[in-house]
Structure formats: structure tokens, C-alpha cells
Amino acid sequence: MNESQFELIECPDRETWLKERRKGIGASEAAAVLGASPWKTAIDLWAEKVGIAEQPEDESEWLKWGRRLEPVIRETYMEETGRMVIRPGGEWTLVRSKKYPWMVTTLDGEIVPVDDKDGPGVFESKTAMLFKKDEWADEPPLQYQIQNQHQLVVTGWLWGGDAVLLGGSRFLHQDFEVNQDFQYLLIEKLEAFWSLVQSETPPAIDGSDSAKELLRRLYPKQEPNKVIELPLEAVDWHRDLVAVKEELKLLEGKASELKNQFAAVLKDAEIGVLPSGDSYTYKFVEKKAAKSVQVGDLIAAYRELRFKAKKERR
């Protein structure tokens, strides 16, 4: 392994690895910064890095099984390609870029140089549910493409190989190469994010639940009788908020009207079918009253309109 562009940080266990990774942005975290992670937002990641939110100490079952299957996936990849893959360091070895020390990664393997490639390659092992096979058909899902390019930036290598086990029964592998235009953008975005971490400045607040939770953690209490002068932008916020609330009232009214039209046509029917094969159900549901107002076993029963998409044959 050529370590001219990076350093290896050997960690004895996962707890130490988590502490070290908190000092930078990991390859699997980069997608969150770019808004492409299905599991985490930039606000979530920022809160973890500054210590407002705790990083999960225990791995999920999915991650544990992914690690357990890594040797099997690595062996299968070597059999399928004829390439040699070695493990860089121990299980909890962190790789840190020397040029961008806030960029780190943990490699699943290093592909030994082959004749038709320039230098060693990054090896990445994945597991996924079988129904995600179409997402892996031509190239990995976006969050993993970002992870791949992050790893190439950290190592300075020019290529790598993804291997994925789908549903425990279908194996796919494909190569990836440096995308310099994307890497420039990635480095720029990650550097800007890391400066927010260092200065403890939250990312731009949006309407997500993550932003709401962050604000709750940042300001859990109020200071009695404290009064501040709002910025000039607040005038625009107020105007837009009033307009949005009025629009929501109109939309809610329209939604109620449309539901009533369905109910009027359905009458005493339980199901109404659309030409597309989709349907609406109009069934009785039962709901117990809240404990604060419940007297005995008070149960509210009413008919509720619900949309039901047509099931496609597989």
C-alpha cells in the first residue's frame, strides 16, 4: 500500500474508531453533506460532529451482517475477477488524507495493481435487499458513488471496484474510476461543511424534522422576559408564512371537498375501483378515545376514505 497521500490510524475497537472518525468526514457520511443520503441529513451529521447528538454506539443488525459477510464477498470477488484483494490494516483502521485531513475513510479492501489498471484500487463490499437489484444494474446508487469518489480522494488512487451481494443470493461487481469534476465539487462542499463544524455554526435551517430537533437541542430553554429585535428578513418570513397558511386552508378545503365527492358516490359501498385498477376504500375504523378524555371503553367508529394502489404482478 502506497501511503504517500494518506496515513493509517489503527484503532483497537469500534469505540475508538468512532471517536477518531468524529474528527473528520467519513466516506459513508459524505452523501449526507450533499443531501443524497437516504438515512441522514447534513444537519444530523453536523449535530453528531459537534457533540449535540450522539453517534450510535451499537451497530444495527444490517451493518453487523454486512461486516460478517465482507470476507465472503471479498473471496467471491477475487474468484470472479481473478484479482487479489488485501485488507489494509485491522478491522478498525481509519485512512486519513494528508492533503485534506478532514476527509477519512475505512476501506473494505485494497485491490492489488492489475495489468489494465494504473496502481492499486479501492475495494468496496456491500449487501442489499434483492428488490434493489435494479438500482445496482448499471451503477451503484448515488450515495455509494459519492462514497467511492470520497475514497479515491483520500487514497489518491485512480480506480476501484464495487461488489454487492443482493438478497444473499445474487452477486454483482463493477469498476469505477476517478471523476475529477465531481471530486472538485465534493471537496469544496465537504470543506465548507467542516468549517461549519469547527466554528460550531449550524448548516442552513430547513423544514426537516432534523432541523426541528436540532433547534430543540440547541435551545432547550427560554430566558424569561428576554426580548430581541428580529432581523429585517423576518418581515418576508412573516408575509410568506401568512400566505402559506392561507394556501394550506384553501388546499385543505379542496381536499375535504374531493373526499366528500368520493363518499357521495361510494354511498354504502366499501370499495370503488378506478379505470387504472387503483381503488378507494370507504370502511369503518375504530379508535379509542385518548386516555385524558376516556370514560370507560369509549370507542369512536366512523368510515374513513383511503386510497389503495393496484398491486403489480411480478
C-alpha atoms as a PDB file:
ATOM      1  CA  MET A   1       0.000   0.000   0.000  1.00  0.00           C
ATOM      2  CA  ASN A   2       1.418   3.360  -1.065  1.00  0.00           C
ATOM      3  CA  GLU A   3       0.802   5.698   1.877  1.00  0.00           C
ATOM      4  CA  SER A   4       2.331   8.846   0.345  1.00  0.00           C
ATOM      5  CA  GLN A   5      -1.049  10.615   0.186  1.00  0.00           C
ATOM      6  CA  PHE A   6      -2.646   9.295   3.368  1.00  0.00           C
ATOM      7  CA  GLU A   7      -1.943   7.973   6.839  1.00  0.00           C
ATOM      8  CA  LEU A   8      -3.308   4.929   8.616  1.00  0.00           C
ATOM      9  CA  ILE A   9      -4.818   5.283  12.068  1.00  0.00           C
ATOM     10  CA  GLU A  10      -5.032   1.906  13.796  1.00  0.00           C
ATOM     11  CA  CYS A  11      -7.916   1.750  16.270  1.00  0.00           C
ATOM     12  CA  PRO A  12      -8.184  -1.142  18.758  1.00  0.00           C
ATOM     13  CA  ASP A  13     -12.004  -1.211  18.772  1.00  0.00           C
ATOM     14  CA  ARG A  14     -15.145   0.360  17.324  1.00  0.00           C
ATOM     15  CA  GLU A  15     -15.494   2.875  20.153  1.00  0.00           C
ATOM     16  CA  THR A  16     -12.026   4.303  19.457  1.00  0.00           C
ATOM     17  CA  TRP A  17     -12.747   4.250  15.718  1.00  0.00           C
ATOM     18  CA  LEU A  18     -15.930   6.271  16.230  1.00  0.00           C
ATOM     19  CA  LYS A  19     -14.024   8.878  18.270  1.00  0.00           C
ATOM     20  CA  GLU A  20     -11.359   9.205  15.570  1.00  0.00           C
ATOM     21  CA  ARG A  21     -13.903   9.397  12.759  1.00  0.00           C
ATOM     22  CA  ARG A  22     -15.627  12.232  14.564  1.00  0.00           C
ATOM     23  CA  LYS A  23     -12.512  14.313  13.800  1.00  0.00           C
ATOM     24  CA  GLY A  24     -13.340  14.220  10.078  1.00  0.00           C
ATOM     25  CA  ILE A  25     -15.945  13.269   7.488  1.00  0.00           C
ATOM     26  CA  GLY A  26     -16.121   9.592   6.601  1.00  0.00           C
ATOM     27  CA  ALA A  27     -16.766   8.297   3.094  1.00  0.00           C
ATOM     28  CA  SER A  28     -20.140   6.859   4.125  1.00  0.00           C
ATOM     29  CA  GLU A  29     -21.056  10.259   5.627  1.00  0.00           C
ATOM     30  CA  ALA A  30     -20.238  12.381   2.565  1.00  0.00           C
ATOM     31  CA  ALA A  31     -23.610  11.734   0.927  1.00  0.00           C
ATOM     32  CA  ALA A  32     -25.349  13.374   3.896  1.00  0.00           C
ATOM     33  CA  VAL A  33     -23.410  16.599   3.290  1.00  0.00           C
ATOM     34  CA  LEU A  34     -24.531  16.598  -0.354  1.00  0.00           C
ATOM     35  CA  GLY A  35     -28.145  15.840   0.550  1.00  0.00           C
ATOM     36  CA  ALA A  36     -28.012  12.404  -1.099  1.00  0.00           C
ATOM     37  CA  SER A  37     -28.176  10.109   1.924  1.00  0.00           C
ATOM     38  CA  PRO A  38     -31.414   8.174   2.491  1.00  0.00           C
ATOM     39  CA  TRP A  39     -30.567   7.813   6.184  1.00  0.00           C
ATOM     40  CA  LYS A  40     -29.106  11.098   7.395  1.00  0.00           C
ATOM     41  CA  THR A  41     -29.216  14.841   6.652  1.00  0.00           C
ATOM     42  CA  ALA A  42     -26.386  17.374   6.807  1.00  0.00           C
ATOM     43  CA  ILE A  43     -27.992  18.737   9.973  1.00  0.00           C
ATOM     44  CA  ASP A  44     -27.974  15.261  11.564  1.00  0.00           C
ATOM     45  CA  LEU A  45     -24.298  14.819  10.691  1.00  0.00           C
ATOM     46  CA  TRP A  46     -23.346  18.300  11.963  1.00  0.00           C
ATOM     47  CA  ALA A  47     -25.087  17.622  15.284  1.00  0.00           C
ATOM     48  CA  GLU A  48     -23.090  14.400  15.649  1.00  0.00           C
ATOM     49  CA  LYS A  49     -19.774  16.035  14.802  1.00  0.00           C
ATOM     50  CA  VAL A  50     -20.169  18.891  17.312  1.00  0.00           C
ATOM     51  CA  GLY A  51     -21.448  16.540  20.009  1.00  0.00           C
ATOM     52  CA  ILE A  52     -25.056  17.739  20.208  1.00  0.00           C
ATOM     53  CA  ALA A  53     -26.338  14.353  19.022  1.00  0.00           C
ATOM     54  CA  GLU A  54     -24.701  11.094  19.965  1.00  0.00           C
ATOM     55  CA  GLN A  55     -23.267   8.772  17.353  1.00  0.00           C
ATOM     56  CA  PRO A  56     -24.813   5.308  17.630  1.00  0.00           C
ATOM     57  CA  GLU A  57     -22.626   3.179  19.884  1.00  0.00           C
ATOM     58  CA  ASP A  58     -24.137  -0.080  18.712  1.00  0.00           C
ATOM     59  CA  GLU A  59     -24.288  -1.249  15.115  1.00  0.00           C
ATOM     60  CA  SER A  60     -27.615  -2.120  13.553  1.00  0.00           C
ATOM     61  CA  GLU A  61     -28.201  -5.760  12.677  1.00  0.00           C
ATOM     62  CA  TRP A  62     -27.960  -4.801   8.999  1.00  0.00           C
ATOM     63  CA  LEU A  63     -24.463  -3.304   9.480  1.00  0.00           C
ATOM     64  CA  LYS A  64     -23.314  -6.245  11.582  1.00  0.00           C
ATOM     65  CA  TRP A  65     -24.335  -8.718   8.901  1.00  0.00           C
ATOM     66  CA  GLY A  66     -22.667  -6.545   6.277  1.00  0.00           C
ATOM     67  CA  ARG A  67     -19.377  -6.799   8.169  1.00  0.00           C
ATOM     68  CA  ARG A  68     -19.784 -10.526   8.750  1.00  0.00           C
ATOM     69  CA  LEU A  69     -20.297 -11.107   5.037  1.00  0.00           C
ATOM     70  CA  GLU A  70     -17.348  -8.947   3.942  1.00  0.00           C
ATOM     71  CA  PRO A  71     -14.888 -11.897   3.814  1.00  0.00           C
ATOM     72  CA  VAL A  72     -17.356 -13.936   1.735  1.00  0.00           C
ATOM     73  CA  ILE A  73     -17.962 -11.053  -0.683  1.00  0.00           C
ATOM     74  CA  ARG A  74     -14.235 -10.365  -0.928  1.00  0.00           C
ATOM     75  CA  GLU A  75     -13.458 -14.033  -1.685  1.00  0.00           C
ATOM     76  CA  THR A  76     -16.233 -14.176  -4.292  1.00  0.00           C
ATOM     77  CA  TYR A  77     -14.932 -11.012  -5.954  1.00  0.00           C
ATOM     78  CA  MET A  78     -11.437 -12.489  -6.210  1.00  0.00           C
ATOM     79  CA  GLU A  79     -12.851 -15.706  -7.702  1.00  0.00           C
ATOM     80  CA  GLU A  80     -14.988 -13.808 -10.234  1.00  0.00           C
ATOM     81  CA  THR A  81     -12.279 -11.343 -11.346  1.00  0.00           C
ATOM     82  CA  GLY A  82      -9.012 -13.176 -10.749  1.00  0.00           C
ATOM     83  CA  ARG A  83      -7.782 -10.120  -8.845  1.00  0.00           C
ATOM     84  CA  MET A  84      -6.120 -10.089  -5.427  1.00  0.00           C
ATOM     85  CA  VAL A  85      -7.726  -8.070  -2.622  1.00  0.00           C
ATOM     86  CA  ILE A  86      -5.855  -7.466   0.641  1.00  0.00           C
ATOM     87  CA  ARG A  87      -7.086  -5.936   3.893  1.00  0.00           C
ATOM     88  CA  PRO A  88      -5.365  -2.606   4.715  1.00  0.00           C
ATOM     89  CA  GLY A  89      -4.637  -2.824   8.439  1.00  0.00           C
ATOM     90  CA  GLY A  90      -7.012  -4.196  11.039  1.00  0.00           C
ATOM     91  CA  GLU A  91     -10.791  -4.187  11.161  1.00  0.00           C
ATOM     92  CA  TRP A  92     -10.938  -0.692  12.675  1.00  0.00           C
ATOM     93  CA  THR A  93      -8.233   1.016  10.630  1.00  0.00           C
ATOM     94  CA  LEU A  94      -9.015   4.572   9.588  1.00  0.00           C
ATOM     95  CA  VAL A  95      -7.431   6.108   6.477  1.00  0.00           C
ATOM     96  CA  ARG A  96      -6.899   9.876   6.640  1.00  0.00           C
ATOM     97  CA  SER A  97      -5.984  12.125   3.703  1.00  0.00           C
ATOM     98  CA  LYS A  98      -2.823  14.170   4.256  1.00  0.00           C
ATOM     99  CA  LYS A  99      -3.936  16.910   1.849  1.00  0.00           C
ATOM    100  CA  TYR A 100      -7.494  17.055   3.221  1.00  0.00           C
ATOM    101  CA  PRO A 101      -7.150  15.837   6.835  1.00  0.00           C
ATOM    102  CA  TRP A 102     -10.883  16.266   7.452  1.00  0.00           C
ATOM    103  CA  MET A 103     -11.551  13.512   4.879  1.00  0.00           C
ATOM    104  CA  VAL A 104     -11.307   9.968   6.229  1.00  0.00           C
ATOM    105  CA  THR A 105     -12.466   6.511   5.244  1.00  0.00           C
ATOM    106  CA  THR A 106     -12.328   2.871   6.278  1.00  0.00           C
ATOM    107  CA  LEU A 107     -11.522   0.613   3.346  1.00  0.00           C
ATOM    108  CA  ASP A 108     -13.044  -2.820   2.919  1.00  0.00           C
ATOM    109  CA  GLY A 109     -10.003  -3.794   0.905  1.00  0.00           C
ATOM    110  CA  GLU A 110      -7.192  -2.814  -1.460  1.00  0.00           C
ATOM    111  CA  ILE A 111      -7.158  -4.336  -4.938  1.00  0.00           C
ATOM    112  CA  VAL A 112      -3.586  -5.224  -5.874  1.00  0.00           C
ATOM    113  CA  PRO A 113      -2.497  -3.499  -9.133  1.00  0.00           C
ATOM    114  CA  VAL A 114      -3.502  -5.346 -12.304  1.00  0.00           C
ATOM    115  CA  ASP A 115      -2.177  -5.042 -15.856  1.00  0.00           C
ATOM    116  CA  ASP A 116      -5.006  -2.930 -17.291  1.00  0.00           C
ATOM    117  CA  LYS A 117      -5.253  -0.528 -14.310  1.00  0.00           C
ATOM    118  CA  ASP A 118      -3.000   2.239 -13.009  1.00  0.00           C
ATOM    119  CA  GLY A 119      -1.924   1.401  -9.463  1.00  0.00           C
ATOM    120  CA  PRO A 120      -3.943  -0.183  -6.658  1.00  0.00           C
ATOM    121  CA  GLY A 121      -7.724   0.147  -6.409  1.00  0.00           C
ATOM    122  CA  VAL A 122     -10.287   0.684  -3.683  1.00  0.00           C
ATOM    123  CA  PHE A 123     -12.429  -2.365  -2.898  1.00  0.00           C
ATOM    124  CA  GLU A 124     -15.919  -1.762  -1.533  1.00  0.00           C
ATOM    125  CA  SER A 125     -18.167  -4.536  -0.220  1.00  0.00           C
ATOM    126  CA  LYS A 126     -21.941  -4.080   0.036  1.00  0.00           C
ATOM    127  CA  THR A 127     -25.079  -6.035   0.837  1.00  0.00           C
ATOM    128  CA  ALA A 128     -28.559  -5.051  -0.317  1.00  0.00           C
ATOM    129  CA  MET A 129     -32.083  -6.445  -0.498  1.00  0.00           C
ATOM    130  CA  LEU A 130     -32.926  -8.305  -3.706  1.00  0.00           C
ATOM    131  CA  PHE A 131     -35.666  -5.818  -4.651  1.00  0.00           C
ATOM    132  CA  LYS A 132     -32.918  -3.188  -5.015  1.00  0.00           C
ATOM    133  CA  LYS A 133     -31.298  -5.086  -7.903  1.00  0.00           C
ATOM    134  CA  ASP A 134     -32.456  -2.502 -10.468  1.00  0.00           C
ATOM    135  CA  GLU A 135     -30.683   0.260  -8.511  1.00  0.00           C
ATOM    136  CA  TRP A 136     -27.415  -1.655  -8.949  1.00  0.00           C
ATOM    137  CA  ALA A 137     -27.977  -2.756 -12.567  1.00  0.00           C
ATOM    138  CA  ASP A 138     -25.852  -0.109 -14.327  1.00  0.00           C
ATOM    139  CA  GLU A 139     -24.065   1.631 -11.469  1.00  0.00           C
ATOM    140  CA  PRO A 140     -24.305   1.842  -7.674  1.00  0.00           C
ATOM    141  CA  PRO A 141     -26.928   4.085  -6.028  1.00  0.00           C
ATOM    142  CA  LEU A 142     -25.859   7.726  -5.795  1.00  0.00           C
ATOM    143  CA  GLN A 143     -24.871   7.616  -2.115  1.00  0.00           C
ATOM    144  CA  TYR A 144     -22.388   4.834  -2.886  1.00  0.00           C
ATOM    145  CA  GLN A 145     -20.978   6.641  -5.924  1.00  0.00           C
ATOM    146  CA  ILE A 146     -20.251   9.583  -3.625  1.00  0.00           C
ATOM    147  CA  GLN A 147     -18.616   7.195  -1.161  1.00  0.00           C
ATOM    148  CA  ASN A 148     -16.441   5.752  -3.942  1.00  0.00           C
ATOM    149  CA  GLN A 149     -15.178   9.163  -5.082  1.00  0.00           C
ATOM    150  CA  HIS A 150     -14.526  10.177  -1.467  1.00  0.00           C
ATOM    151  CA  GLN A 151     -12.358   7.086  -1.009  1.00  0.00           C
ATOM    152  CA  LEU A 152     -10.393   7.853  -4.181  1.00  0.00           C
ATOM    153  CA  VAL A 153      -9.745  11.408  -2.937  1.00  0.00           C
ATOM    154  CA  VAL A 154      -8.479  10.101   0.416  1.00  0.00           C
ATOM    155  CA  THR A 155      -6.198   7.429  -1.071  1.00  0.00           C
ATOM    156  CA  GLY A 156      -5.161   9.293  -4.215  1.00  0.00           C
ATOM    157  CA  TRP A 157      -5.892   6.147  -6.221  1.00  0.00           C
ATOM    158  CA  LEU A 158      -7.467   6.258  -9.670  1.00  0.00           C
ATOM    159  CA  TRP A 159      -9.956   3.406  -9.644  1.00  0.00           C
ATOM    160  CA  GLY A 160     -11.791   0.836  -7.574  1.00  0.00           C
ATOM    161  CA  GLY A 161     -14.296  -1.997  -7.612  1.00  0.00           C
ATOM    162  CA  ASP A 162     -17.715  -2.386  -6.002  1.00  0.00           C
ATOM    163  CA  ALA A 163     -19.038  -5.826  -5.079  1.00  0.00           C
ATOM    164  CA  VAL A 164     -22.593  -6.295  -3.846  1.00  0.00           C
ATOM    165  CA  LEU A 165     -24.494  -9.323  -2.583  1.00  0.00           C
ATOM    166  CA  LEU A 166     -28.205  -8.874  -3.304  1.00  0.00           C
ATOM    167  CA  GLY A 167     -30.668 -10.766  -1.146  1.00  0.00           C
ATOM    168  CA  GLY A 168     -27.951 -13.189  -0.114  1.00  0.00           C
ATOM    169  CA  SER A 169     -28.154 -14.935  -3.483  1.00  0.00           C
ATOM    170  CA  ARG A 170     -27.190 -12.624  -6.357  1.00  0.00           C
ATOM    171  CA  PHE A 171     -23.659 -11.255  -6.757  1.00  0.00           C
ATOM    172  CA  LEU A 172     -22.709  -8.232  -8.862  1.00  0.00           C
ATOM    173  CA  HIS A 173     -19.437  -6.342  -9.292  1.00  0.00           C
ATOM    174  CA  GLN A 174     -18.353  -3.320 -11.328  1.00  0.00           C
ATOM    175  CA  ASP A 175     -15.377  -0.973 -11.570  1.00  0.00           C
ATOM    176  CA  PHE A 176     -15.388   2.765 -11.014  1.00  0.00           C
ATOM    177  CA  GLU A 177     -12.825   5.427 -11.869  1.00  0.00           C
ATOM    178  CA  VAL A 178     -11.871   8.937 -10.812  1.00  0.00           C
ATOM    179  CA  ASN A 179     -14.362  11.645 -11.709  1.00  0.00           C
ATOM    180  CA  GLN A 180     -12.265  14.769 -11.232  1.00  0.00           C
ATOM    181  CA  ASP A 181     -15.054  17.280 -11.892  1.00  0.00           C
ATOM    182  CA  PHE A 182     -17.191  15.664  -9.235  1.00  0.00           C
ATOM    183  CA  GLN A 183     -14.257  15.370  -6.839  1.00  0.00           C
ATOM    184  CA  TYR A 184     -13.616  19.130  -7.052  1.00  0.00           C
ATOM    185  CA  LEU A 185     -17.252  19.735  -6.098  1.00  0.00           C
ATOM    186  CA  LEU A 186     -17.132  17.106  -3.353  1.00  0.00           C
ATOM    187  CA  ILE A 187     -14.012  18.590  -1.757  1.00  0.00           C
ATOM    188  CA  GLU A 188     -15.493  22.092  -1.913  1.00  0.00           C
ATOM    189  CA  LYS A 189     -18.759  21.015  -0.271  1.00  0.00           C
ATOM    190  CA  LEU A 190     -17.073  18.917   2.417  1.00  0.00           C
ATOM    191  CA  GLU A 191     -14.567  21.649   3.268  1.00  0.00           C
ATOM    192  CA  ALA A 192     -17.383  24.198   3.649  1.00  0.00           C
ATOM    193  CA  PHE A 193     -19.299  21.766   5.864  1.00  0.00           C
ATOM    194  CA  TRP A 194     -16.256  21.040   8.009  1.00  0.00           C
ATOM    195  CA  SER A 195     -15.697  24.758   8.579  1.00  0.00           C
ATOM    196  CA  LEU A 196     -19.254  24.868   9.999  1.00  0.00           C
ATOM    197  CA  VAL A 197     -18.358  22.016  12.331  1.00  0.00           C
ATOM    198  CA  GLN A 198     -15.185  23.715  13.521  1.00  0.00           C
ATOM    199  CA  SER A 199     -16.937  27.028  14.130  1.00  0.00           C
ATOM    200  CA  GLU A 200     -19.989  25.241  15.577  1.00  0.00           C
ATOM    201  CA  THR A 201     -22.187  27.101  13.104  1.00  0.00           C
ATOM    202  CA  PRO A 202     -25.301  25.077  12.176  1.00  0.00           C
ATOM    203  CA  PRO A 203     -25.990  24.370   8.480  1.00  0.00           C
ATOM    204  CA  ALA A 204     -28.828  26.243   6.805  1.00  0.00           C
ATOM    205  CA  ILE A 205     -32.072  25.534   8.619  1.00  0.00           C
ATOM    206  CA  ASP A 206     -34.783  23.913   6.508  1.00  0.00           C
ATOM    207  CA  GLY A 207     -38.211  22.438   7.158  1.00  0.00           C
ATOM    208  CA  SER A 208     -36.994  18.945   8.024  1.00  0.00           C
ATOM    209  CA  ASP A 209     -37.607  17.114  11.275  1.00  0.00           C
ATOM    210  CA  SER A 210     -33.815  17.092  11.680  1.00  0.00           C
ATOM    211  CA  ALA A 211     -33.753  20.895  11.732  1.00  0.00           C
ATOM    212  CA  LYS A 212     -36.598  20.959  14.253  1.00  0.00           C
ATOM    213  CA  GLU A 213     -34.771  18.505  16.513  1.00  0.00           C
ATOM    214  CA  LEU A 214     -31.507  20.453  16.200  1.00  0.00           C
ATOM    215  CA  LEU A 215     -33.204  23.699  17.281  1.00  0.00           C
ATOM    216  CA  ARG A 216     -34.772  21.877  20.208  1.00  0.00           C
ATOM    217  CA  ARG A 217     -31.348  20.642  21.316  1.00  0.00           C
ATOM    218  CA  LEU A 218     -29.623  23.971  20.747  1.00  0.00           C
ATOM    219  CA  TYR A 219     -32.198  25.997  22.660  1.00  0.00           C
ATOM    220  CA  PRO A 220     -33.942  23.659  25.131  1.00  0.00           C
ATOM    221  CA  LYS A 221     -34.957  26.508  27.474  1.00  0.00           C
ATOM    222  CA  GLN A 222     -36.222  30.066  27.229  1.00  0.00           C
ATOM    223  CA  GLU A 223     -34.832  33.056  29.055  1.00  0.00           C
ATOM    224  CA  PRO A 224     -37.776  34.683  30.889  1.00  0.00           C
ATOM    225  CA  ASN A 225     -38.691  38.203  29.754  1.00  0.00           C
ATOM    226  CA  LYS A 226     -35.889  38.281  27.159  1.00  0.00           C
ATOM    227  CA  VAL A 227     -36.853  40.391  24.120  1.00  0.00           C
ATOM    228  CA  ILE A 228     -34.871  40.650  20.876  1.00  0.00           C
ATOM    229  CA  GLU A 229     -35.293  42.683  17.710  1.00  0.00           C
ATOM    230  CA  LEU A 230     -35.963  40.456  14.730  1.00  0.00           C
ATOM    231  CA  PRO A 231     -33.926  40.948  11.536  1.00  0.00           C
ATOM    232  CA  LEU A 232     -35.408  42.711   8.501  1.00  0.00           C
ATOM    233  CA  GLU A 233     -35.719  39.340   6.742  1.00  0.00           C
ATOM    234  CA  ALA A 234     -38.323  38.376   9.339  1.00  0.00           C
ATOM    235  CA  VAL A 235     -40.797  40.714   7.601  1.00  0.00           C
ATOM    236  CA  ASP A 236     -40.545  38.498   4.494  1.00  0.00           C
ATOM    237  CA  TRP A 237     -40.759  35.326   6.609  1.00  0.00           C
ATOM    238  CA  HIS A 238     -43.941  36.621   8.251  1.00  0.00           C
ATOM    239  CA  ARG A 239     -45.536  37.553   4.927  1.00  0.00           C
ATOM    240  CA  ASP A 240     -44.647  34.178   3.391  1.00  0.00           C
ATOM    241  CA  LEU A 241     -45.842  32.272   6.459  1.00  0.00           C
ATOM    242  CA  VAL A 242     -49.225  34.023   6.424  1.00  0.00           C
ATOM    243  CA  ALA A 243     -49.566  33.339   2.681  1.00  0.00           C
ATOM    244  CA  VAL A 244     -48.626  29.661   3.080  1.00  0.00           C
ATOM    245  CA  LYS A 245     -51.130  29.204   5.922  1.00  0.00           C
ATOM    246  CA  GLU A 246     -53.882  30.732   3.798  1.00  0.00           C
ATOM    247  CA  GLU A 247     -52.933  28.494   0.884  1.00  0.00           C
ATOM    248  CA  LEU A 248     -52.978  25.448   3.175  1.00  0.00           C
ATOM    249  CA  LYS A 249     -56.504  26.368   4.319  1.00  0.00           C
ATOM    250  CA  LEU A 250     -57.626  26.513   0.698  1.00  0.00           C
ATOM    251  CA  LEU A 251     -55.939  23.201  -0.113  1.00  0.00           C
ATOM    252  CA  GLU A 252     -57.386  21.525   2.974  1.00  0.00           C
ATOM    253  CA  GLY A 253     -60.826  22.796   1.977  1.00  0.00           C
ATOM    254  CA  LYS A 254     -60.387  21.461  -1.553  1.00  0.00           C
ATOM    255  CA  ALA A 255     -59.183  18.112  -0.210  1.00  0.00           C
ATOM    256  CA  SER A 256     -62.269  17.847   2.002  1.00  0.00           C
ATOM    257  CA  GLU A 257     -64.495  18.659  -0.961  1.00  0.00           C
ATOM    258  CA  LEU A 258     -62.903  15.944  -3.105  1.00  0.00           C
ATOM    259  CA  LYS A 259     -63.173  13.373  -0.310  1.00  0.00           C
ATOM    260  CA  ASN A 260     -66.846  14.220   0.105  1.00  0.00           C
ATOM    261  CA  GLN A 261     -67.382  13.690  -3.628  1.00  0.00           C
ATOM    262  CA  PHE A 262     -65.907  10.198  -3.364  1.00  0.00           C
ATOM    263  CA  ALA A 263     -68.026   9.483  -0.281  1.00  0.00           C
ATOM    264  CA  ALA A 264     -71.184  10.682  -2.042  1.00  0.00           C
ATOM    265  CA  VAL A 265     -70.550   8.333  -4.973  1.00  0.00           C
ATOM    266  CA  LEU A 266     -69.489   5.357  -2.854  1.00  0.00           C
ATOM    267  CA  LYS A 267     -72.558   5.673  -0.585  1.00  0.00           C
ATOM    268  CA  ASP A 268     -72.791   2.312   1.212  1.00  0.00           C
ATOM    269  CA  ALA A 269     -70.159   0.612  -0.987  1.00  0.00           C
ATOM    270  CA  GLU A 270     -66.934  -0.485   0.676  1.00  0.00           C
ATOM    271  CA  ILE A 271     -64.673  -0.244  -2.404  1.00  0.00           C
ATOM    272  CA  GLY A 272     -64.685   1.904  -5.522  1.00  0.00           C
ATOM    273  CA  VAL A 273     -62.398   0.951  -8.435  1.00  0.00           C
ATOM    274  CA  LEU A 274     -60.785   3.468 -10.824  1.00  0.00           C
ATOM    275  CA  PRO A 275     -60.208   2.711 -14.549  1.00  0.00           C
ATOM    276  CA  SER A 276     -56.493   2.344 -13.758  1.00  0.00           C
ATOM    277  CA  GLY A 277     -57.218  -0.527 -11.383  1.00  0.00           C
ATOM    278  CA  ASP A 278     -56.377   1.606  -8.349  1.00  0.00           C
ATOM    279  CA  SER A 279     -59.173   1.928  -5.817  1.00  0.00           C
ATOM    280  CA  TYR A 280     -60.629   3.826  -2.884  1.00  0.00           C
ATOM    281  CA  THR A 281     -61.930   2.076   0.214  1.00  0.00           C
ATOM    282  CA  TYR A 282     -64.600   3.560   2.493  1.00  0.00           C
ATOM    283  CA  LYS A 283     -64.522   1.331   5.559  1.00  0.00           C
ATOM    284  CA  PHE A 284     -65.378   1.635   9.219  1.00  0.00           C
ATOM    285  CA  VAL A 285     -62.431   2.171  11.558  1.00  0.00           C
ATOM    286  CA  GLU A 286     -62.490   2.148  15.346  1.00  0.00           C
ATOM    287  CA  LYS A 287     -60.374   4.363  17.523  1.00  0.00           C
ATOM    288  CA  LYS A 288     -60.293   4.560  21.314  1.00  0.00           C
ATOM    289  CA  ALA A 289     -60.545   7.993  22.866  1.00  0.00           C
ATOM    290  CA  ALA A 290     -57.380   9.497  24.341  1.00  0.00           C
ATOM    291  CA  LYS A 291     -56.679   8.451  27.928  1.00  0.00           C
ATOM    292  CA  SER A 292     -57.071  12.049  29.097  1.00  0.00           C
ATOM    293  CA  VAL A 293     -60.724  12.121  27.963  1.00  0.00           C
ATOM    294  CA  GLN A 294     -61.567   8.422  28.024  1.00  0.00           C
ATOM    295  CA  VAL A 295     -64.550   7.307  30.080  1.00  0.00           C
ATOM    296  CA  GLY A 296     -64.740   3.553  30.348  1.00  0.00           C
ATOM    297  CA  ASP A 297     -64.101   1.953  26.932  1.00  0.00           C
ATOM    298  CA  LEU A 298     -65.307   4.837  24.801  1.00  0.00           C
ATOM    299  CA  ILE A 299     -64.668   3.947  21.146  1.00  0.00           C
ATOM    300  CA  ALA A 300     -65.267   6.177  18.149  1.00  0.00           C
ATOM    301  CA  ALA A 301     -66.365   4.366  14.989  1.00  0.00           C
ATOM    302  CA  TYR A 302     -66.511   6.088  11.632  1.00  0.00           C
ATOM    303  CA  ARG A 303     -65.938   5.453   7.933  1.00  0.00           C
ATOM    304  CA  GLU A 304     -62.604   6.556   6.535  1.00  0.00           C
ATOM    305  CA  LEU A 305     -61.706   7.089   2.869  1.00  0.00           C
ATOM    306  CA  ARG A 306     -58.368   5.598   1.825  1.00  0.00           C
ATOM    307  CA  PHE A 307     -56.555   5.222  -1.494  1.00  0.00           C
ATOM    308  CA  LYS A 308     -55.226   1.795  -2.452  1.00  0.00           C
ATOM    309  CA  ALA A 309     -52.837   1.345  -5.361  1.00  0.00           C
ATOM    310  CA  LYS A 310     -53.250  -1.625  -7.666  1.00  0.00           C
ATOM    311  CA  LYS A 311     -50.781  -4.406  -6.950  1.00  0.00           C
ATOM    312  CA  GLU A 312     -48.486  -5.113  -9.884  1.00  0.00           C
ATOM    313  CA  ARG A 313     -47.729  -8.702 -10.781  1.00  0.00           C
ATOM    314  CA  ARG A 314     -44.065  -9.672 -10.504  1.00  0.00           C
END
